[in-house]
Amino acid sequence: MKLPEDGILLRIFIGESDRKGWKSLYEQIVYKAKELDLAGATVVRGIMGFGANSRIHTAKLLRVSEDMPLIIEIVDSEEYIQRILPFLDEVLQDGMVTMEKVRVIRYAHKKE
């Protein structure tokens, strides 16, 4: 059964080596999303990219970067997405955050 609804796609662009304290930033963001009861979070590792500093990061065989680009994607209602924004303000020093309205089509089994 299809369950369409409106939502917000939150994308957080950071580097793999970004940290806040002793723990990687992407882990802290995912755990915070779980703690705040958001629907889910996915971390995607890029194979090439550059950011504000214009330095290219690539996963080529002979030059393996330890700071690959990461995108953390979270889709939920606007109300739930708003819960994590103060935390992002606190922990992000470099990076970029985007938000856009999305149409979510969730597939679920029919209960018999």
PDB file of N, CA and C in Angstrom:
ATOM      1  N   MET A   1       0.844  -1.164   0.000  1.00  0.00           N
ATOM      2  CA  MET A   1       0.000   0.000   0.000  1.00  0.00           C
ATOM      3  C   MET A   1       0.899   1.240   0.000  1.00  0.00           C
ATOM      4  N   LYS A   2       0.567   2.228  -0.829  1.00  0.00           N
ATOM      5  CA  LYS A   2       1.311   3.484  -0.885  1.00  0.00           C
ATOM      6  C   LYS A   2       0.731   4.466   0.118  1.00  0.00           C
ATOM      7  N   LEU A   3       1.608   5.140   0.867  1.00  0.00           N
ATOM      8  CA  LEU A   3       1.181   6.135   1.843  1.00  0.00           C
ATOM      9  C   LEU A   3       1.880   7.457   1.542  1.00  0.00           C
ATOM     10  N   PRO A   4       1.318   8.293   0.641  1.00  0.00           N
ATOM     11  CA  PRO A   4       1.980   9.563   0.309  1.00  0.00           C
ATOM     12  C   PRO A   4       1.763  10.612   1.390  1.00  0.00           C
ATOM     13  N   GLU A   5       2.787  11.426   1.602  1.00  0.00           N
ATOM     14  CA  GLU A   5       2.685  12.533   2.551  1.00  0.00           C
ATOM     15  C   GLU A   5       3.764  13.553   2.234  1.00  0.00           C
ATOM     16  N   ASP A   6       3.594  14.767   2.748  1.00  0.00           N
ATOM     17  CA  ASP A   6       4.595  15.814   2.549  1.00  0.00           C
ATOM     18  C   ASP A   6       5.659  15.705   3.625  1.00  0.00           C
ATOM     19  N   GLY A   7       6.882  16.052   3.260  1.00  0.00           N
ATOM     20  CA  GLY A   7       7.976  15.998   4.218  1.00  0.00           C
ATOM     21  C   GLY A   7       9.062  16.983   3.856  1.00  0.00           C
ATOM     22  N   ILE A   8      10.126  16.940   4.617  1.00  0.00           N
ATOM     23  CA  ILE A   8      11.305  17.783   4.390  1.00  0.00           C
ATOM     24  C   ILE A   8      12.511  16.866   4.251  1.00  0.00           C
ATOM     25  N   LEU A   9      13.317  17.122   3.231  1.00  0.00           N
ATOM     26  CA  LEU A   9      14.595  16.429   3.059  1.00  0.00           C
ATOM     27  C   LEU A   9      15.683  17.353   3.572  1.00  0.00           C
ATOM     28  N   LEU A  10      16.368  16.914   4.610  1.00  0.00           N
ATOM     29  CA  LEU A  10      17.485  17.647   5.192  1.00  0.00           C
ATOM     30  C   LEU A  10      18.762  16.973   4.722  1.00  0.00           C
ATOM     31  N   ARG A  11      19.649  17.745   4.106  1.00  0.00           N
ATOM     32  CA  ARG A  11      20.946  17.218   3.673  1.00  0.00           C
ATOM     33  C   ARG A  11      22.040  18.011   4.376  1.00  0.00           C
ATOM     34  N   ILE A  12      22.970  17.262   4.947  1.00  0.00           N
ATOM     35  CA  ILE A  12      24.085  17.871   5.670  1.00  0.00           C
ATOM     36  C   ILE A  12      25.363  17.443   4.957  1.00  0.00           C
ATOM     37  N   PHE A  13      26.100  18.398   4.424  1.00  0.00           N
ATOM     38  CA  PHE A  13      27.328  18.139   3.673  1.00  0.00           C
ATOM     39  C   PHE A  13      28.518  18.435   4.583  1.00  0.00           C
ATOM     40  N   ILE A  14      29.301  17.409   4.879  1.00  0.00           N
ATOM     41  CA  ILE A  14      30.487  17.567   5.730  1.00  0.00           C
ATOM     42  C   ILE A  14      31.605  16.699   5.164  1.00  0.00           C
ATOM     43  N   GLY A  15      32.756  16.729   5.820  1.00  0.00           N
ATOM     44  CA  GLY A  15      33.869  15.876   5.450  1.00  0.00           C
ATOM     45  C   GLY A  15      33.963  14.680   6.385  1.00  0.00           C
ATOM     46  N   GLU A  16      34.485  13.596   5.869  1.00  0.00           N
ATOM     47  CA  GLU A  16      34.595  12.359   6.648  1.00  0.00           C
ATOM     48  C   GLU A  16      35.461  12.538   7.892  1.00  0.00           C
ATOM     49  N   SER A  17      36.433  13.421   7.837  1.00  0.00           N
ATOM     50  CA  SER A  17      37.330  13.603   8.986  1.00  0.00           C
ATOM     51  C   SER A  17      36.815  14.642   9.983  1.00  0.00           C
ATOM     52  N   ASP A  18      35.664  15.258   9.718  1.00  0.00           N
ATOM     53  CA  ASP A  18      35.125  16.260  10.645  1.00  0.00           C
ATOM     54  C   ASP A  18      34.759  15.603  11.966  1.00  0.00           C
ATOM     55  N   ARG A  19      35.157  16.266  13.047  1.00  0.00           N
ATOM     56  CA  ARG A  19      34.905  15.752  14.393  1.00  0.00           C
ATOM     57  C   ARG A  19      34.398  16.870  15.276  1.00  0.00           C
ATOM     58  N   LYS A  20      33.688  16.479  16.286  1.00  0.00           N
ATOM     59  CA  LYS A  20      33.334  17.374  17.385  1.00  0.00           C
ATOM     60  C   LYS A  20      33.728  16.613  18.636  1.00  0.00           C
ATOM     61  N   GLY A  21      34.804  17.037  19.277  1.00  0.00           N
ATOM     62  CA  GLY A  21      35.333  16.269  20.397  1.00  0.00           C
ATOM     63  C   GLY A  21      36.035  15.026  19.880  1.00  0.00           C
ATOM     64  N   TRP A  22      35.813  13.908  20.529  1.00  0.00           N
ATOM     65  CA  TRP A  22      36.514  12.667  20.202  1.00  0.00           C
ATOM     66  C   TRP A  22      35.789  11.817  19.167  1.00  0.00           C
ATOM     67  N   LYS A  23      34.561  12.140  18.818  1.00  0.00           N
ATOM     68  CA  LYS A  23      33.755  11.287  17.942  1.00  0.00           C
ATOM     69  C   LYS A  23      33.527  11.955  16.584  1.00  0.00           C
ATOM     70  N   SER A  24      33.434  11.134  15.543  1.00  0.00           N
ATOM     71  CA  SER A  24      33.189  11.682  14.214  1.00  0.00           C
ATOM     72  C   SER A  24      31.846  12.412  14.180  1.00  0.00           C
ATOM     73  N   LEU A  25      31.820  13.499  13.443  1.00  0.00           N
ATOM     74  CA  LEU A  25      30.640  14.345  13.393  1.00  0.00           C
ATOM     75  C   LEU A  25      29.447  13.619  12.778  1.00  0.00           C
ATOM     76  N   TYR A  26      29.690  12.838  11.732  1.00  0.00           N
ATOM     77  CA  TYR A  26      28.560  12.150  11.099  1.00  0.00           C
ATOM     78  C   TYR A  26      27.903  11.164  12.062  1.00  0.00           C
ATOM     79  N   GLU A  27      28.698  10.491  12.904  1.00  0.00           N
ATOM     80  CA  GLU A  27      28.114   9.577  13.898  1.00  0.00           C
ATOM     81  C   GLU A  27      27.288  10.347  14.925  1.00  0.00           C
ATOM     82  N   GLN A  28      27.807  11.466  15.371  1.00  0.00           N
ATOM     83  CA  GLN A  28      27.079  12.265  16.353  1.00  0.00           C
ATOM     84  C   GLN A  28      25.740  12.734  15.801  1.00  0.00           C
ATOM     85  N   ILE A  29      25.725  13.130  14.537  1.00  0.00           N
ATOM     86  CA  ILE A  29      24.478  13.600  13.922  1.00  0.00           C
ATOM     87  C   ILE A  29      23.471  12.463  13.797  1.00  0.00           C
ATOM     88  N   VAL A  30      23.919  11.295  13.362  1.00  0.00           N
ATOM     89  CA  VAL A  30      23.011  10.150  13.220  1.00  0.00           C
ATOM     90  C   VAL A  30      22.461   9.726  14.580  1.00  0.00           C
ATOM     91  N   TYR A  31      23.324   9.649  15.588  1.00  0.00           N
ATOM     92  CA  TYR A  31      22.850   9.267  16.925  1.00  0.00           C
ATOM     93  C   TYR A  31      21.886  10.307  17.490  1.00  0.00           C
ATOM     94  N   LYS A  32      22.135  11.582  17.205  1.00  0.00           N
ATOM     95  CA  LYS A  32      21.227  12.635  17.677  1.00  0.00           C
ATOM     96  C   LYS A  32      19.874  12.513  16.977  1.00  0.00           C
ATOM     97  N   ALA A  33      19.884  12.216  15.695  1.00  0.00           N
ATOM     98  CA  ALA A  33      18.628  12.023  14.959  1.00  0.00           C
ATOM     99  C   ALA A  33      17.829  10.866  15.558  1.00  0.00           C
ATOM    100  N   LYS A  34      18.514   9.801  15.928  1.00  0.00           N
ATOM    101  CA  LYS A  34      17.851   8.651  16.571  1.00  0.00           C
ATOM    102  C   LYS A  34      17.292   9.058  17.931  1.00  0.00           C
ATOM    103  N   GLU A  35      18.096   9.768  18.708  1.00  0.00           N
ATOM    104  CA  GLU A  35      17.665  10.225  20.037  1.00  0.00           C
ATOM    105  C   GLU A  35      16.425  11.116  19.953  1.00  0.00           C
ATOM    106  N   LEU A  36      16.338  11.932  18.890  1.00  0.00           N
ATOM    107  CA  LEU A  36      15.212  12.845  18.708  1.00  0.00           C
ATOM    108  C   LEU A  36      14.024  12.179  18.019  1.00  0.00           C
ATOM    109  N   ASP A  37      14.131  10.873  17.784  1.00  0.00           N
ATOM    110  CA  ASP A  37      13.043  10.080  17.210  1.00  0.00           C
ATOM    111  C   ASP A  37      12.696  10.468  15.781  1.00  0.00           C
ATOM    112  N   LEU A  38      13.715  10.893  15.011  1.00  0.00           N
ATOM    113  CA  LEU A  38      13.482  11.175  13.602  1.00  0.00           C
ATOM    114  C   LEU A  38      13.295   9.857  12.854  1.00  0.00           C
ATOM    115  N   ALA A  39      12.674   9.922  11.687  1.00  0.00           N
ATOM    116  CA  ALA A  39      12.292   8.709  10.955  1.00  0.00           C
ATOM    117  C   ALA A  39      13.490   7.859  10.542  1.00  0.00           C
ATOM    118  N   GLY A  40      14.618   8.481  10.255  1.00  0.00           N
ATOM    119  CA  GLY A  40      15.806   7.737   9.841  1.00  0.00           C
ATOM    120  C   GLY A  40      16.857   8.680   9.311  1.00  0.00           C
ATOM    121  N   ALA A  41      18.063   8.181   9.191  1.00  0.00           N
ATOM    122  CA  ALA A  41      19.175   8.973   8.659  1.00  0.00           C
ATOM    123  C   ALA A  41      20.085   8.047   7.866  1.00  0.00           C
ATOM    124  N   THR A  42      20.604   8.547   6.765  1.00  0.00           N
ATOM    125  CA  THR A  42      21.525   7.780   5.932  1.00  0.00           C
ATOM    126  C   THR A  42      22.759   8.619   5.665  1.00  0.00           C
ATOM    127  N   VAL A  43      23.935   8.013   5.807  1.00  0.00           N
ATOM    128  CA  VAL A  43      25.192   8.682   5.497  1.00  0.00           C
ATOM    129  C   VAL A  43      25.699   8.118   4.177  1.00  0.00           C
ATOM    130  N   VAL A  44      25.944   9.013   3.226  1.00  0.00           N
ATOM    131  CA  VAL A  44      26.421   8.631   1.902  1.00  0.00           C
ATOM    132  C   VAL A  44      27.832   9.180   1.744  1.00  0.00           C
ATOM    133  N   ARG A  45      28.761   8.308   1.347  1.00  0.00           N
ATOM    134  CA  ARG A  45      30.160   8.716   1.158  1.00  0.00           C
ATOM    135  C   ARG A  45      30.394   8.980  -0.320  1.00  0.00           C
ATOM    136  N   GLY A  46      30.843  10.188  -0.623  1.00  0.00           N
ATOM    137  CA  GLY A  46      31.128  10.553  -2.006  1.00  0.00           C
ATOM    138  C   GLY A  46      32.464  10.004  -2.462  1.00  0.00           C
ATOM    139  N   ILE A  47      32.607   9.829  -3.762  1.00  0.00           N
ATOM    140  CA  ILE A  47      33.886   9.353  -4.297  1.00  0.00           C
ATOM    141  C   ILE A  47      34.755  10.499  -4.786  1.00  0.00           C
ATOM    142  N   MET A  48      34.147  11.698  -4.896  1.00  0.00           N
ATOM    143  CA  MET A  48      34.924  12.867  -5.289  1.00  0.00           C
ATOM    144  C   MET A  48      34.104  14.108  -4.981  1.00  0.00           C
ATOM    145  N   GLY A  49      34.787  15.185  -4.604  1.00  0.00           N
ATOM    146  CA  GLY A  49      34.087  16.429  -4.363  1.00  0.00           C
ATOM    147  C   GLY A  49      35.025  17.506  -3.859  1.00  0.00           C
ATOM    148  N   PHE A  50      34.477  18.713  -3.721  1.00  0.00           N
ATOM    149  CA  PHE A  50      35.212  19.802  -3.099  1.00  0.00           C
ATOM    150  C   PHE A  50      34.211  20.706  -2.409  1.00  0.00           C
ATOM    151  N   GLY A  51      34.699  21.459  -1.456  1.00  0.00           N
ATOM    152  CA  GLY A  51      33.839  22.346  -0.694  1.00  0.00           C
ATOM    153  C   GLY A  51      34.316  23.770  -0.759  1.00  0.00           C
ATOM    154  N   ALA A  52      34.022  24.519   0.282  1.00  0.00           N
ATOM    155  CA  ALA A  52      34.328  25.953   0.315  1.00  0.00           C
ATOM    156  C   ALA A  52      35.814  26.248   0.154  1.00  0.00           C
ATOM    157  N   ASN A  53      36.680  25.320   0.620  1.00  0.00           N
ATOM    158  CA  ASN A  53      38.127  25.560   0.507  1.00  0.00           C
ATOM    159  C   ASN A  53      38.664  25.220  -0.879  1.00  0.00           C
ATOM    160  N   SER A  54      37.820  24.698  -1.756  1.00  0.00           N
ATOM    161  CA  SER A  54      38.156  24.359  -3.151  1.00  0.00           C
ATOM    162  C   SER A  54      39.215  23.265  -3.284  1.00  0.00           C
ATOM    163  N   ARG A  55      39.493  22.527  -2.221  1.00  0.00           N
ATOM    164  CA  ARG A  55      40.437  21.406  -2.304  1.00  0.00           C
ATOM    165  C   ARG A  55      39.680  20.172  -2.763  1.00  0.00           C
ATOM    166  N   ILE A  56      40.188  19.513  -3.816  1.00  0.00           N
ATOM    167  CA  ILE A  56      39.546  18.313  -4.353  1.00  0.00           C
ATOM    168  C   ILE A  56      39.842  17.127  -3.431  1.00  0.00           C
ATOM    169  N   HIS A  57      38.812  16.357  -3.123  1.00  0.00           N
ATOM    170  CA  HIS A  57      38.938  15.109  -2.371  1.00  0.00           C
ATOM    171  C   HIS A  57      38.506  13.998  -3.321  1.00  0.00           C
ATOM    172  N   THR A  58      39.332  12.969  -3.439  1.00  0.00           N
ATOM    173  CA  THR A  58      39.021  11.899  -4.382  1.00  0.00           C
ATOM    174  C   THR A  58      39.412  10.551  -3.812  1.00  0.00           C
ATOM    175  N   ALA A  59      38.776   9.507  -4.316  1.00  0.00           N
ATOM    176  CA  ALA A  59      39.047   8.139  -3.864  1.00  0.00           C
ATOM    177  C   ALA A  59      39.821   7.363  -4.916  1.00  0.00           C
ATOM    178  N   LYS A  60      40.629   8.039  -5.710  1.00  0.00           N
ATOM    179  CA  LYS A  60      41.417   7.342  -6.719  1.00  0.00           C
ATOM    180  C   LYS A  60      42.382   6.374  -6.044  1.00  0.00           C
ATOM    181  N   LEU A  61      42.677   5.298  -6.715  1.00  0.00           N
ATOM    182  CA  LEU A  61      43.462   4.205  -6.152  1.00  0.00           C
ATOM    183  C   LEU A  61      44.806   4.652  -5.571  1.00  0.00           C
ATOM    184  N   LEU A  62      45.543   5.480  -6.284  1.00  0.00           N
ATOM    185  CA  LEU A  62      46.878   5.862  -5.823  1.00  0.00           C
ATOM    186  C   LEU A  62      46.861   7.027  -4.843  1.00  0.00           C
ATOM    187  N   ARG A  63      45.731   7.666  -4.681  1.00  0.00           N
ATOM    188  CA  ARG A  63      45.653   8.811  -3.778  1.00  0.00           C
ATOM    189  C   ARG A  63      44.344   8.732  -2.991  1.00  0.00           C
ATOM    190  N   VAL A  64      44.358   7.971  -1.935  1.00  0.00           N
ATOM    191  CA  VAL A  64      43.147   7.782  -1.149  1.00  0.00           C
ATOM    192  C   VAL A  64      43.049   8.886  -0.103  1.00  0.00           C
ATOM    193  N   SER A  65      42.042   9.707  -0.236  1.00  0.00           N
ATOM    194  CA  SER A  65      41.820  10.792   0.711  1.00  0.00           C
ATOM    195  C   SER A  65      41.204  10.239   1.986  1.00  0.00           C
ATOM    196  N   GLU A  66      41.593  10.798   3.109  1.00  0.00           N
ATOM    197  CA  GLU A  66      40.987  10.409   4.372  1.00  0.00           C
ATOM    198  C   GLU A  66      39.888  11.388   4.758  1.00  0.00           C
ATOM    199  N   ASP A  67      39.576  12.296   3.856  1.00  0.00           N
ATOM    200  CA  ASP A  67      38.540  13.287   4.139  1.00  0.00           C
ATOM    201  C   ASP A  67      37.557  13.346   2.978  1.00  0.00           C
ATOM    202  N   MET A  68      36.926  12.214   2.692  1.00  0.00           N
ATOM    203  CA  MET A  68      35.977  12.141   1.593  1.00  0.00           C
ATOM    204  C   MET A  68      34.715  12.926   1.956  1.00  0.00           C
ATOM    205  N   PRO A  69      34.026  13.438   0.927  1.00  0.00           N
ATOM    206  CA  PRO A  69      32.788  14.158   1.211  1.00  0.00           C
ATOM    207  C   PRO A  69      31.701  13.202   1.699  1.00  0.00           C
ATOM    208  N   LEU A  70      30.937  13.646   2.689  1.00  0.00           N
ATOM    209  CA  LEU A  70      29.807  12.872   3.209  1.00  0.00           C
ATOM    210  C   LEU A  70      28.545  13.710   3.094  1.00  0.00           C
ATOM    211  N   ILE A  71      27.443  13.034   2.837  1.00  0.00           N
ATOM    212  CA  ILE A  71      26.128  13.664   2.883  1.00  0.00           C
ATOM    213  C   ILE A  71      25.280  12.844   3.839  1.00  0.00           C
ATOM    214  N   ILE A  72      24.713  13.513   4.818  1.00  0.00           N
ATOM    215  CA  ILE A  72      23.780  12.860   5.738  1.00  0.00           C
ATOM    216  C   ILE A  72      22.396  13.302   5.302  1.00  0.00           C
ATOM    217  N   GLU A  73      21.542  12.337   4.965  1.00  0.00           N
ATOM    218  CA  GLU A  73      20.189  12.651   4.527  1.00  0.00           C
ATOM    219  C   GLU A  73      19.180  12.189   5.573  1.00  0.00           C
ATOM    220  N   ILE A  74      18.262  13.080   5.881  1.00  0.00           N
ATOM    221  CA  ILE A  74      17.186  12.777   6.828  1.00  0.00           C
ATOM    222  C   ILE A  74      15.892  13.284   6.205  1.00  0.00           C
ATOM    223  N   VAL A  75      14.886  12.421   6.137  1.00  0.00           N
ATOM    224  CA  VAL A  75      13.570  12.810   5.627  1.00  0.00           C
ATOM    225  C   VAL A  75      12.559  12.593   6.739  1.00  0.00           C
ATOM    226  N   ASP A  76      11.803  13.634   7.037  1.00  0.00           N
ATOM    227  CA  ASP A  76      10.774  13.531   8.072  1.00  0.00           C
ATOM    228  C   ASP A  76       9.830  14.715   7.900  1.00  0.00           C
ATOM    229  N   SER A  77       8.881  14.851   8.797  1.00  0.00           N
ATOM    230  CA  SER A  77       7.984  16.004   8.774  1.00  0.00           C
ATOM    231  C   SER A  77       8.774  17.248   9.171  1.00  0.00           C
ATOM    232  N   GLU A  78       8.268  18.409   8.796  1.00  0.00           N
ATOM    233  CA  GLU A  78       8.961  19.650   9.146  1.00  0.00           C
ATOM    234  C   GLU A  78       9.103  19.788  10.659  1.00  0.00           C
ATOM    235  N   GLU A  79       8.081  19.390  11.390  1.00  0.00           N
ATOM    236  CA  GLU A  79       8.112  19.452  12.857  1.00  0.00           C
ATOM    237  C   GLU A  79       9.296  18.662  13.422  1.00  0.00           C
ATOM    238  N   TYR A  80       9.519  17.465  12.915  1.00  0.00           N
ATOM    239  CA  TYR A  80      10.608  16.636  13.421  1.00  0.00           C
ATOM    240  C   TYR A  80      11.972  17.143  12.950  1.00  0.00           C
ATOM    241  N   ILE A  81      12.060  17.609  11.710  1.00  0.00           N
ATOM    242  CA  ILE A  81      13.331  18.155  11.204  1.00  0.00           C
ATOM    243  C   ILE A  81      13.757  19.351  12.053  1.00  0.00           C
ATOM    244  N   GLN A  82      12.796  20.171  12.477  1.00  0.00           N
ATOM    245  CA  GLN A  82      13.112  21.348  13.305  1.00  0.00           C
ATOM    246  C   GLN A  82      13.791  20.952  14.616  1.00  0.00           C
ATOM    247  N   ARG A  83      13.552  19.746  15.091  1.00  0.00           N
ATOM    248  CA  ARG A  83      14.135  19.294  16.354  1.00  0.00           C
ATOM    249  C   ARG A  83      15.660  19.200  16.311  1.00  0.00           C
ATOM    250  N   ILE A  84      16.212  18.883  15.136  1.00  0.00           N
ATOM    251  CA  ILE A  84      17.666  18.651  15.067  1.00  0.00           C
ATOM    252  C   ILE A  84      18.441  19.915  14.691  1.00  0.00           C
ATOM    253  N   LEU A  85      17.767  20.943  14.212  1.00  0.00           N
ATOM    254  CA  LEU A  85      18.473  22.146  13.749  1.00  0.00           C
ATOM    255  C   LEU A  85      19.291  22.833  14.843  1.00  0.00           C
ATOM    256  N   PRO A  86      18.801  22.974  16.086  1.00  0.00           N
ATOM    257  CA  PRO A  86      19.644  23.582  17.129  1.00  0.00           C
ATOM    258  C   PRO A  86      20.926  22.781  17.381  1.00  0.00           C
ATOM    259  N   PHE A  87      20.838  21.460  17.309  1.00  0.00           N
ATOM    260  CA  PHE A  87      22.033  20.627  17.487  1.00  0.00           C
ATOM    261  C   PHE A  87      23.028  20.878  16.359  1.00  0.00           C
ATOM    262  N   LEU A  88      22.534  20.994  15.128  1.00  0.00           N
ATOM    263  CA  LEU A  88      23.431  21.260  13.992  1.00  0.00           C
ATOM    264  C   LEU A  88      24.105  22.620  14.155  1.00  0.00           C
ATOM    265  N   ASP A  89      23.365  23.606  14.628  1.00  0.00           N
ATOM    266  CA  ASP A  89      23.966  24.929  14.888  1.00  0.00           C
ATOM    267  C   ASP A  89      25.112  24.819  15.884  1.00  0.00           C
ATOM    268  N   GLU A  90      24.969  23.928  16.829  1.00  0.00           N
ATOM    269  CA  GLU A  90      25.971  23.739  17.883  1.00  0.00           C
ATOM    270  C   GLU A  90      27.218  23.005  17.384  1.00  0.00           C
ATOM    271  N   VAL A  91      27.062  21.993  16.534  1.00  0.00           N
ATOM    272  CA  VAL A  91      28.193  21.126  16.189  1.00  0.00           C
ATOM    273  C   VAL A  91      28.854  21.424  14.851  1.00  0.00           C
ATOM    274  N   LEU A  92      28.159  22.082  13.938  1.00  0.00           N
ATOM    275  CA  LEU A  92      28.754  22.334  12.614  1.00  0.00           C
ATOM    276  C   LEU A  92      29.620  23.575  12.628  1.00  0.00           C
ATOM    277  N   GLN A  93      30.856  23.410  12.169  1.00  0.00           N
ATOM    278  CA  GLN A  93      31.736  24.561  12.008  1.00  0.00           C
ATOM    279  C   GLN A  93      31.968  24.815  10.529  1.00  0.00           C
ATOM    280  N   ASP A  94      32.164  23.757   9.766  1.00  0.00           N
ATOM    281  CA  ASP A  94      32.294  23.822   8.314  1.00  0.00           C
ATOM    282  C   ASP A  94      31.240  22.899   7.736  1.00  0.00           C
ATOM    283  N   GLY A  95      30.840  23.193   6.534  1.00  0.00           N
ATOM    284  CA  GLY A  95      29.860  22.334   5.884  1.00  0.00           C
ATOM    285  C   GLY A  95      28.710  23.153   5.358  1.00  0.00           C
ATOM    286  N   MET A  96      27.676  22.454   4.955  1.00  0.00           N
ATOM    287  CA  MET A  96      26.504  23.114   4.392  1.00  0.00           C
ATOM    288  C   MET A  96      25.287  22.262   4.713  1.00  0.00           C
ATOM    289  N   VAL A  97      24.169  22.924   4.944  1.00  0.00           N
ATOM    290  CA  VAL A  97      22.911  22.240   5.211  1.00  0.00           C
ATOM    291  C   VAL A  97      21.883  22.759   4.216  1.00  0.00           C
ATOM    292  N   THR A  98      21.155  21.841   3.588  1.00  0.00           N
ATOM    293  CA  THR A  98      20.060  22.244   2.707  1.00  0.00           C
ATOM    294  C   THR A  98      18.777  21.568   3.179  1.00  0.00           C
ATOM    295  N   MET A  99      17.664  22.230   2.904  1.00  0.00           N
ATOM    296  CA  MET A  99      16.354  21.673   3.231  1.00  0.00           C
ATOM    297  C   MET A  99      15.449  21.926   2.038  1.00  0.00           C
ATOM    298  N   GLU A 100      14.666  20.909   1.698  1.00  0.00           N
ATOM    299  CA  GLU A 100      13.706  21.101   0.614  1.00  0.00           C
ATOM    300  C   GLU A 100      12.453  20.287   0.891  1.00  0.00           C
ATOM    301  N   LYS A 101      11.344  20.791   0.392  1.00  0.00           N
ATOM    302  CA  LYS A 101      10.087  20.066   0.528  1.00  0.00           C
ATOM    303  C   LYS A 101      10.106  18.878  -0.420  1.00  0.00           C
ATOM    304  N   VAL A 102       9.634  17.752   0.074  1.00  0.00           N
ATOM    305  CA  VAL A 102       9.572  16.544  -0.742  1.00  0.00           C
ATOM    306  C   VAL A 102       8.216  15.876  -0.562  1.00  0.00           C
ATOM    307  N   ARG A 103       7.864  15.093  -1.534  1.00  0.00           N
ATOM    308  CA  ARG A 103       6.675  14.248  -1.461  1.00  0.00           C
ATOM    309  C   ARG A 103       7.171  12.854  -1.144  1.00  0.00           C
ATOM    310  N   VAL A 104       6.796  12.343   0.002  1.00  0.00           N
ATOM    311  CA  VAL A 104       7.248  11.030   0.463  1.00  0.00           C
ATOM    312  C   VAL A 104       6.191   9.999   0.099  1.00  0.00           C
ATOM    313  N   ILE A 105       6.616   8.943  -0.548  1.00  0.00           N
ATOM    314  CA  ILE A 105       5.721   7.819  -0.809  1.00  0.00           C
ATOM    315  C   ILE A 105       6.290   6.631  -0.061  1.00  0.00           C
ATOM    316  N   ARG A 106       5.629   6.290   0.996  1.00  0.00           N
ATOM    317  CA  ARG A 106       6.084   5.195   1.845  1.00  0.00           C
ATOM    318  C   ARG A 106       5.303   3.947   1.466  1.00  0.00           C
ATOM    319  N   TYR A 107       6.004   2.855   1.311  1.00  0.00           N
ATOM    320  CA  TYR A 107       5.369   1.593   1.012  1.00  0.00           C
ATOM    321  C   TYR A 107       5.271   0.776   2.289  1.00  0.00           C
ATOM    322  N   ALA A 108       4.100   0.239   2.555  1.00  0.00           N
ATOM    323  CA  ALA A 108       3.887  -0.553   3.760  1.00  0.00           C
ATOM    324  C   ALA A 108       2.994  -1.745   3.415  1.00  0.00           C
ATOM    325  N   HIS A 109       3.214  -2.836   4.117  1.00  0.00           N
ATOM    326  CA  HIS A 109       2.377  -4.017   3.923  1.00  0.00           C
ATOM    327  C   HIS A 109       0.994  -3.780   4.494  1.00  0.00           C
ATOM    328  N   LYS A 110       0.001  -4.321   3.828  1.00  0.00           N
ATOM    329  CA  LYS A 110      -1.360  -4.253   4.359  1.00  0.00           C
ATOM    330  C   LYS A 110      -1.468  -5.196   5.547  1.00  0.00           C
ATOM    331  N   LYS A 111      -2.096  -4.724   6.585  1.00  0.00           N
ATOM    332  CA  LYS A 111      -2.336  -5.595   7.746  1.00  0.00           C
ATOM    333  C   LYS A 111      -3.536  -6.466   7.439  1.00  0.00           C
ATOM    334  N   GLU A 112      -3.389  -7.742   7.697  1.00  0.00           N
ATOM    335  CA  GLU A 112      -4.493  -8.667   7.415  1.00  0.00           C
ATOM    336  C   GLU A 112      -5.250  -9.004   8.661  1.00  0.00           C
TER     337      GLU A 112
END
